[in-house]
N, C-alpha and C. Protein backbone atom coordinates (compact mmCIF):
# COMPACT_ATOMS: atom_id res chain seq x y z
N MET A 1 17.72 54.07 -65.59
CA MET A 1 16.33 53.68 -65.44
C MET A 1 16.16 52.97 -64.10
N THR A 2 15.12 53.32 -63.40
CA THR A 2 14.86 52.69 -62.11
C THR A 2 14.09 51.39 -62.27
N LYS A 3 14.40 50.43 -61.45
CA LYS A 3 13.69 49.17 -61.51
C LYS A 3 12.34 49.26 -60.82
N TYR A 4 12.14 50.35 -60.06
CA TYR A 4 10.87 50.56 -59.37
C TYR A 4 9.95 51.37 -60.29
N THR A 5 9.49 50.71 -61.32
CA THR A 5 8.63 51.33 -62.32
C THR A 5 7.23 51.57 -61.73
N PRO A 6 6.40 52.32 -62.44
CA PRO A 6 5.03 52.53 -61.96
C PRO A 6 4.30 51.20 -61.72
N LEU A 7 4.61 50.19 -62.51
CA LEU A 7 4.00 48.87 -62.31
C LEU A 7 4.34 48.32 -60.92
N VAL A 8 5.59 48.41 -60.54
CA VAL A 8 6.03 47.91 -59.23
C VAL A 8 5.39 48.75 -58.11
N LYS A 9 5.38 50.06 -58.29
CA LYS A 9 4.80 50.95 -57.27
C LYS A 9 3.29 50.72 -57.13
N ASP A 10 2.60 50.54 -58.26
CA ASP A 10 1.16 50.28 -58.22
C ASP A 10 0.86 48.96 -57.52
N MET A 11 1.68 47.95 -57.81
CA MET A 11 1.48 46.65 -57.17
C MET A 11 1.70 46.75 -55.67
N GLN A 12 2.71 47.52 -55.27
CA GLN A 12 2.96 47.69 -53.84
C GLN A 12 1.74 48.34 -53.17
N LYS A 13 1.16 49.35 -53.81
CA LYS A 13 -0.02 50.01 -53.26
C LYS A 13 -1.20 49.05 -53.18
N ASP A 14 -1.40 48.25 -54.24
CA ASP A 14 -2.49 47.28 -54.24
C ASP A 14 -2.32 46.24 -53.13
N LEU A 15 -1.10 45.78 -52.96
CA LEU A 15 -0.84 44.81 -51.90
C LEU A 15 -1.08 45.41 -50.52
N LYS A 16 -0.69 46.68 -50.36
CA LYS A 16 -0.89 47.36 -49.08
C LYS A 16 -2.38 47.45 -48.76
N LYS A 17 -3.20 47.73 -49.78
CA LYS A 17 -4.66 47.80 -49.57
C LYS A 17 -5.22 46.46 -49.13
N GLN A 18 -4.54 45.38 -49.52
CA GLN A 18 -4.97 44.04 -49.15
C GLN A 18 -4.37 43.59 -47.81
N GLY A 19 -3.60 44.47 -47.19
CA GLY A 19 -3.04 44.15 -45.88
C GLY A 19 -1.63 43.61 -45.90
N TYR A 20 -0.98 43.58 -47.07
CA TYR A 20 0.40 43.11 -47.18
C TYR A 20 1.33 44.32 -47.24
N HIS A 21 2.26 44.37 -46.33
CA HIS A 21 3.15 45.53 -46.27
C HIS A 21 4.56 45.13 -46.72
N PHE A 22 4.78 45.26 -48.03
CA PHE A 22 6.08 44.96 -48.62
C PHE A 22 6.78 46.26 -49.00
N SER A 23 8.09 46.26 -48.90
CA SER A 23 8.88 47.40 -49.39
C SER A 23 8.86 47.36 -50.92
N LEU A 24 9.31 48.42 -51.54
CA LEU A 24 9.41 48.42 -53.01
C LEU A 24 10.33 47.30 -53.47
N GLU A 25 11.43 47.10 -52.76
CA GLU A 25 12.37 46.05 -53.14
C GLU A 25 11.73 44.67 -53.02
N GLN A 26 10.99 44.43 -51.95
CA GLN A 26 10.32 43.14 -51.79
C GLN A 26 9.27 42.93 -52.88
N THR A 27 8.52 43.96 -53.19
CA THR A 27 7.51 43.87 -54.25
C THR A 27 8.19 43.58 -55.58
N TYR A 28 9.25 44.30 -55.86
CA TYR A 28 10.02 44.11 -57.09
C TYR A 28 10.50 42.65 -57.18
N GLN A 29 11.08 42.14 -56.10
CA GLN A 29 11.62 40.77 -56.09
C GLN A 29 10.52 39.73 -56.32
N HIS A 30 9.37 39.93 -55.69
CA HIS A 30 8.25 38.99 -55.88
C HIS A 30 7.77 39.01 -57.33
N LEU A 31 7.62 40.18 -57.92
CA LEU A 31 7.16 40.29 -59.31
C LEU A 31 8.19 39.70 -60.27
N LEU A 32 9.46 39.91 -59.97
CA LEU A 32 10.54 39.38 -60.81
C LEU A 32 10.54 37.85 -60.75
N LYS A 33 10.46 37.28 -59.56
CA LYS A 33 10.46 35.83 -59.40
C LYS A 33 9.24 35.18 -60.03
N ALA A 34 8.11 35.90 -60.03
CA ALA A 34 6.87 35.35 -60.60
C ALA A 34 6.80 35.56 -62.12
N ASN A 35 7.85 36.17 -62.71
CA ASN A 35 7.94 36.41 -64.15
C ASN A 35 6.93 37.45 -64.65
N PHE A 36 6.47 38.33 -63.76
CA PHE A 36 5.58 39.41 -64.18
C PHE A 36 6.38 40.57 -64.76
N ILE A 37 7.61 40.76 -64.28
CA ILE A 37 8.47 41.83 -64.76
C ILE A 37 9.87 41.30 -65.04
N ASP A 38 10.61 42.08 -65.84
CA ASP A 38 12.02 41.73 -66.08
C ASP A 38 12.88 42.51 -65.09
N ALA A 39 14.19 42.38 -65.21
CA ALA A 39 15.11 43.02 -64.27
C ALA A 39 14.99 44.55 -64.27
N ASP A 40 14.48 45.13 -65.37
CA ASP A 40 14.31 46.58 -65.44
C ASP A 40 12.95 47.04 -64.91
N GLY A 41 12.15 46.10 -64.42
CA GLY A 41 10.84 46.45 -63.89
C GLY A 41 9.75 46.57 -64.94
N GLN A 42 10.06 46.15 -66.16
CA GLN A 42 9.08 46.21 -67.25
C GLN A 42 8.32 44.89 -67.34
N PRO A 43 7.07 44.93 -67.77
CA PRO A 43 6.30 43.69 -67.86
C PRO A 43 6.92 42.72 -68.86
N THR A 44 6.88 41.43 -68.53
CA THR A 44 7.39 40.41 -69.45
C THR A 44 6.35 40.12 -70.52
N LYS A 45 6.80 39.56 -71.63
CA LYS A 45 5.86 39.18 -72.70
C LYS A 45 4.86 38.16 -72.18
N TRP A 46 5.33 37.25 -71.32
CA TRP A 46 4.45 36.24 -70.75
C TRP A 46 3.32 36.89 -69.95
N ALA A 47 3.65 37.87 -69.12
CA ALA A 47 2.64 38.53 -68.28
C ALA A 47 1.63 39.29 -69.13
N ILE A 48 2.11 39.90 -70.20
CA ILE A 48 1.23 40.64 -71.10
C ILE A 48 0.33 39.66 -71.85
N LYS A 49 0.95 38.63 -72.42
CA LYS A 49 0.21 37.65 -73.22
C LYS A 49 -0.89 36.97 -72.42
N ASN A 50 -0.63 36.70 -71.15
CA ASN A 50 -1.59 36.02 -70.30
C ASN A 50 -2.54 36.98 -69.58
N GLY A 51 -2.46 38.27 -69.90
CA GLY A 51 -3.40 39.24 -69.37
C GLY A 51 -3.17 39.66 -67.93
N TYR A 52 -1.99 39.33 -67.38
CA TYR A 52 -1.70 39.71 -66.01
C TYR A 52 -1.28 41.18 -65.91
N VAL A 53 -0.74 41.69 -66.99
CA VAL A 53 -0.28 43.07 -67.04
C VAL A 53 -0.82 43.70 -68.32
N GLY A 54 -1.43 44.87 -68.20
CA GLY A 54 -1.94 45.56 -69.36
C GLY A 54 -0.88 46.46 -69.97
N ILE A 55 -1.06 46.78 -71.22
CA ILE A 55 -0.16 47.68 -71.91
C ILE A 55 -0.90 48.97 -72.16
N GLU A 56 -0.23 50.06 -71.95
CA GLU A 56 -0.82 51.36 -72.17
C GLU A 56 -0.24 51.95 -73.44
N TYR A 57 -1.08 52.59 -74.21
CA TYR A 57 -0.65 53.19 -75.47
C TYR A 57 -0.70 54.69 -75.30
N SER A 58 0.39 55.37 -75.55
CA SER A 58 0.45 56.82 -75.37
C SER A 58 0.89 57.50 -76.65
N TYR A 59 0.32 58.65 -76.87
CA TYR A 59 0.79 59.54 -77.93
C TYR A 59 1.43 60.72 -77.24
N PRO A 60 2.76 60.84 -77.29
CA PRO A 60 3.41 61.95 -76.60
C PRO A 60 2.90 63.32 -77.06
N GLN A 61 2.43 63.42 -78.25
CA GLN A 61 1.93 64.70 -78.76
C GLN A 61 0.40 64.73 -78.81
N GLY A 62 -0.26 63.86 -78.10
CA GLY A 62 -1.71 63.80 -78.13
C GLY A 62 -2.16 62.83 -79.22
N MET A 63 -3.46 62.72 -79.40
CA MET A 63 -4.01 61.82 -80.40
C MET A 63 -3.61 62.30 -81.79
N PRO A 64 -3.59 61.38 -82.78
CA PRO A 64 -3.21 61.79 -84.13
C PRO A 64 -4.17 62.86 -84.64
N THR A 65 -3.64 63.76 -85.42
CA THR A 65 -4.44 64.85 -85.94
C THR A 65 -5.53 64.31 -86.84
N GLN A 66 -6.75 64.49 -86.42
CA GLN A 66 -7.90 64.09 -87.20
C GLN A 66 -9.12 64.80 -86.64
N ASP A 67 -10.22 64.63 -87.30
CA ASP A 67 -11.46 65.27 -86.89
C ASP A 67 -11.81 64.86 -85.47
N GLU A 68 -12.16 65.83 -84.66
CA GLU A 68 -12.47 65.56 -83.25
C GLU A 68 -13.62 64.56 -83.10
N SER A 69 -14.59 64.61 -84.00
CA SER A 69 -15.71 63.67 -83.88
C SER A 69 -15.25 62.23 -84.06
N ASP A 70 -14.25 61.99 -84.92
CA ASP A 70 -13.72 60.63 -85.09
C ASP A 70 -13.00 60.17 -83.83
N ILE A 71 -12.27 61.07 -83.20
CA ILE A 71 -11.57 60.72 -81.96
C ILE A 71 -12.59 60.42 -80.87
N LEU A 72 -13.59 61.29 -80.72
CA LEU A 72 -14.60 61.10 -79.68
C LEU A 72 -15.42 59.84 -79.92
N THR A 73 -15.64 59.50 -81.18
CA THR A 73 -16.40 58.28 -81.50
C THR A 73 -15.66 57.05 -80.98
N VAL A 74 -14.36 56.96 -81.29
CA VAL A 74 -13.58 55.81 -80.83
C VAL A 74 -13.48 55.81 -79.31
N LEU A 75 -13.22 56.98 -78.72
CA LEU A 75 -13.11 57.04 -77.27
C LEU A 75 -14.43 56.68 -76.59
N GLY A 76 -15.53 56.92 -77.27
CA GLY A 76 -16.84 56.56 -76.74
C GLY A 76 -17.03 55.05 -76.59
N TYR A 77 -16.28 54.27 -77.32
CA TYR A 77 -16.35 52.81 -77.22
C TYR A 77 -15.50 52.28 -76.06
N LEU A 78 -14.68 53.14 -75.47
CA LEU A 78 -13.78 52.72 -74.40
C LEU A 78 -14.44 52.79 -73.04
N PRO A 79 -14.17 51.82 -72.17
CA PRO A 79 -14.61 51.99 -70.78
C PRO A 79 -13.73 53.08 -70.14
N GLN A 80 -14.30 53.87 -69.26
CA GLN A 80 -13.54 54.96 -68.63
C GLN A 80 -12.31 54.44 -67.89
N SER A 81 -12.37 53.22 -67.40
CA SER A 81 -11.24 52.66 -66.66
C SER A 81 -10.02 52.43 -67.56
N ALA A 82 -10.20 52.48 -68.88
CA ALA A 82 -9.09 52.25 -69.81
C ALA A 82 -8.31 53.52 -70.11
N ILE A 83 -8.83 54.66 -69.68
CA ILE A 83 -8.17 55.94 -69.95
C ILE A 83 -7.51 56.42 -68.66
N HIS A 84 -6.23 56.74 -68.77
CA HIS A 84 -5.46 57.18 -67.61
C HIS A 84 -4.96 58.60 -67.85
N TYR A 85 -5.53 59.54 -67.12
CA TYR A 85 -5.19 60.94 -67.31
C TYR A 85 -3.95 61.29 -66.54
N ASN A 86 -3.21 62.24 -67.07
CA ASN A 86 -1.96 62.69 -66.48
C ASN A 86 -2.09 64.17 -66.18
N ASP A 87 -1.18 64.69 -65.37
CA ASP A 87 -1.18 66.13 -65.08
C ASP A 87 -0.92 66.95 -66.33
N ARG A 88 -0.23 66.35 -67.28
CA ARG A 88 0.06 67.04 -68.54
C ARG A 88 -0.98 66.59 -69.55
N PRO A 89 -1.88 67.48 -69.98
CA PRO A 89 -3.01 67.06 -70.81
C PRO A 89 -2.62 66.34 -72.10
N ASN A 90 -1.47 66.63 -72.65
CA ASN A 90 -1.08 65.98 -73.90
C ASN A 90 -0.36 64.66 -73.68
N LEU A 91 -0.40 64.13 -72.47
CA LEU A 91 0.33 62.91 -72.18
C LEU A 91 -0.53 61.93 -71.37
N SER A 92 -1.74 61.70 -71.84
CA SER A 92 -2.61 60.72 -71.21
C SER A 92 -2.36 59.36 -71.86
N GLY A 93 -2.67 58.31 -71.15
CA GLY A 93 -2.47 56.97 -71.67
C GLY A 93 -3.79 56.23 -71.78
N ILE A 94 -3.83 55.26 -72.68
CA ILE A 94 -5.01 54.43 -72.88
C ILE A 94 -4.53 52.99 -72.90
N ASP A 95 -5.25 52.12 -72.17
CA ASP A 95 -4.90 50.71 -72.19
C ASP A 95 -5.00 50.18 -73.62
N LYS A 96 -4.00 49.43 -74.01
CA LYS A 96 -3.86 49.00 -75.39
C LYS A 96 -4.99 48.09 -75.89
N GLU A 97 -5.30 47.05 -75.15
CA GLU A 97 -6.31 46.10 -75.63
C GLU A 97 -7.70 46.72 -75.77
N PRO A 98 -8.17 47.49 -74.77
CA PRO A 98 -9.47 48.15 -74.97
C PRO A 98 -9.46 49.14 -76.13
N LEU A 99 -8.33 49.80 -76.37
CA LEU A 99 -8.26 50.74 -77.49
C LEU A 99 -8.37 49.99 -78.81
N LYS A 100 -7.66 48.86 -78.93
CA LYS A 100 -7.77 48.05 -80.15
C LYS A 100 -9.21 47.62 -80.38
N LYS A 101 -9.85 47.17 -79.32
CA LYS A 101 -11.24 46.72 -79.42
C LYS A 101 -12.16 47.88 -79.83
N ALA A 102 -11.94 49.06 -79.27
CA ALA A 102 -12.76 50.23 -79.59
C ALA A 102 -12.59 50.64 -81.05
N ILE A 103 -11.36 50.62 -81.53
CA ILE A 103 -11.10 50.98 -82.93
C ILE A 103 -11.78 49.98 -83.85
N LYS A 104 -11.61 48.70 -83.56
CA LYS A 104 -12.23 47.67 -84.40
C LYS A 104 -13.74 47.80 -84.42
N GLN A 105 -14.33 48.11 -83.27
CA GLN A 105 -15.79 48.24 -83.20
C GLN A 105 -16.26 49.46 -83.99
N ALA A 106 -15.53 50.58 -83.87
CA ALA A 106 -15.89 51.78 -84.63
C ALA A 106 -15.77 51.53 -86.13
N LEU A 107 -14.73 50.80 -86.54
CA LEU A 107 -14.57 50.47 -87.95
C LEU A 107 -15.69 49.53 -88.40
N HIS A 108 -16.00 48.55 -87.58
CA HIS A 108 -17.06 47.59 -87.91
C HIS A 108 -18.42 48.29 -88.03
N ASP A 109 -18.69 49.21 -87.11
CA ASP A 109 -19.98 49.92 -87.11
C ASP A 109 -20.05 50.99 -88.19
N ASP A 110 -18.93 51.24 -88.89
CA ASP A 110 -18.86 52.23 -89.97
C ASP A 110 -19.35 53.61 -89.53
N VAL A 111 -18.82 54.06 -88.38
CA VAL A 111 -19.25 55.34 -87.82
C VAL A 111 -18.19 56.44 -87.94
N LEU A 112 -17.12 56.16 -88.67
CA LEU A 112 -16.03 57.13 -88.82
C LEU A 112 -16.04 57.73 -90.23
N SER A 113 -15.50 58.94 -90.33
CA SER A 113 -15.33 59.54 -91.65
C SER A 113 -14.30 58.73 -92.43
N SER A 114 -14.21 58.94 -93.72
CA SER A 114 -13.23 58.19 -94.52
C SER A 114 -11.80 58.51 -94.06
N ASP A 115 -11.55 59.77 -93.72
CA ASP A 115 -10.23 60.16 -93.22
C ASP A 115 -9.98 59.51 -91.85
N GLY A 116 -11.00 59.51 -91.00
CA GLY A 116 -10.89 58.88 -89.68
C GLY A 116 -10.63 57.40 -89.78
N ARG A 117 -11.32 56.73 -90.72
CA ARG A 117 -11.10 55.29 -90.93
C ARG A 117 -9.64 55.02 -91.28
N ARG A 118 -9.12 55.83 -92.21
CA ARG A 118 -7.74 55.65 -92.65
C ARG A 118 -6.77 55.85 -91.48
N LYS A 119 -6.97 56.91 -90.71
CA LYS A 119 -6.05 57.21 -89.62
C LYS A 119 -6.16 56.19 -88.48
N TRP A 120 -7.38 55.77 -88.14
CA TRP A 120 -7.54 54.79 -87.07
C TRP A 120 -7.02 53.42 -87.50
N LYS A 121 -7.13 53.09 -88.78
CA LYS A 121 -6.55 51.83 -89.26
C LYS A 121 -5.03 51.84 -89.08
N LYS A 122 -4.43 53.01 -89.31
CA LYS A 122 -2.99 53.15 -89.13
C LYS A 122 -2.61 52.98 -87.65
N VAL A 123 -3.41 53.56 -86.76
CA VAL A 123 -3.17 53.40 -85.33
C VAL A 123 -3.31 51.92 -84.94
N LEU A 124 -4.33 51.27 -85.48
CA LEU A 124 -4.56 49.85 -85.18
C LEU A 124 -3.38 49.00 -85.62
N LEU A 125 -2.83 49.29 -86.80
CA LEU A 125 -1.65 48.57 -87.27
C LEU A 125 -0.48 48.76 -86.31
N ASP A 126 -0.32 49.98 -85.85
CA ASP A 126 0.75 50.30 -84.90
C ASP A 126 0.55 49.54 -83.59
N LEU A 127 -0.69 49.46 -83.13
CA LEU A 127 -0.99 48.75 -81.88
C LEU A 127 -0.74 47.25 -81.98
N GLU A 128 -1.00 46.71 -83.15
CA GLU A 128 -0.87 45.27 -83.34
C GLU A 128 0.53 44.85 -83.75
N ALA A 129 1.41 45.79 -83.94
CA ALA A 129 2.79 45.48 -84.34
C ALA A 129 3.57 44.86 -83.21
């Protein structure tokens, strides 16, 4: 596993846009020292808990099998910035916290089918684990 994870690479790009020109190694070292990432380049629990780093939730096989209208309903509650598309259509990611919020709102608004409610509740449990 490389320590130059997408998080490190994205941070390097963001810093470059702000006029700071750090190598990947320098960016990695700064993030490590600031406790944003661990030695493997993964976000620390502290960084996640304090909202400095978001978590993305992915379904390697796509969204759980359920009625398309239930999926679209929940996705409709998400801001577009929370969905990250990939070149491989079945491997898109969604930011974890906005997804949890969208599921809870759809459940609260009672806009899902009974099957959709059951399946989204299961996803929510998985997200909160």
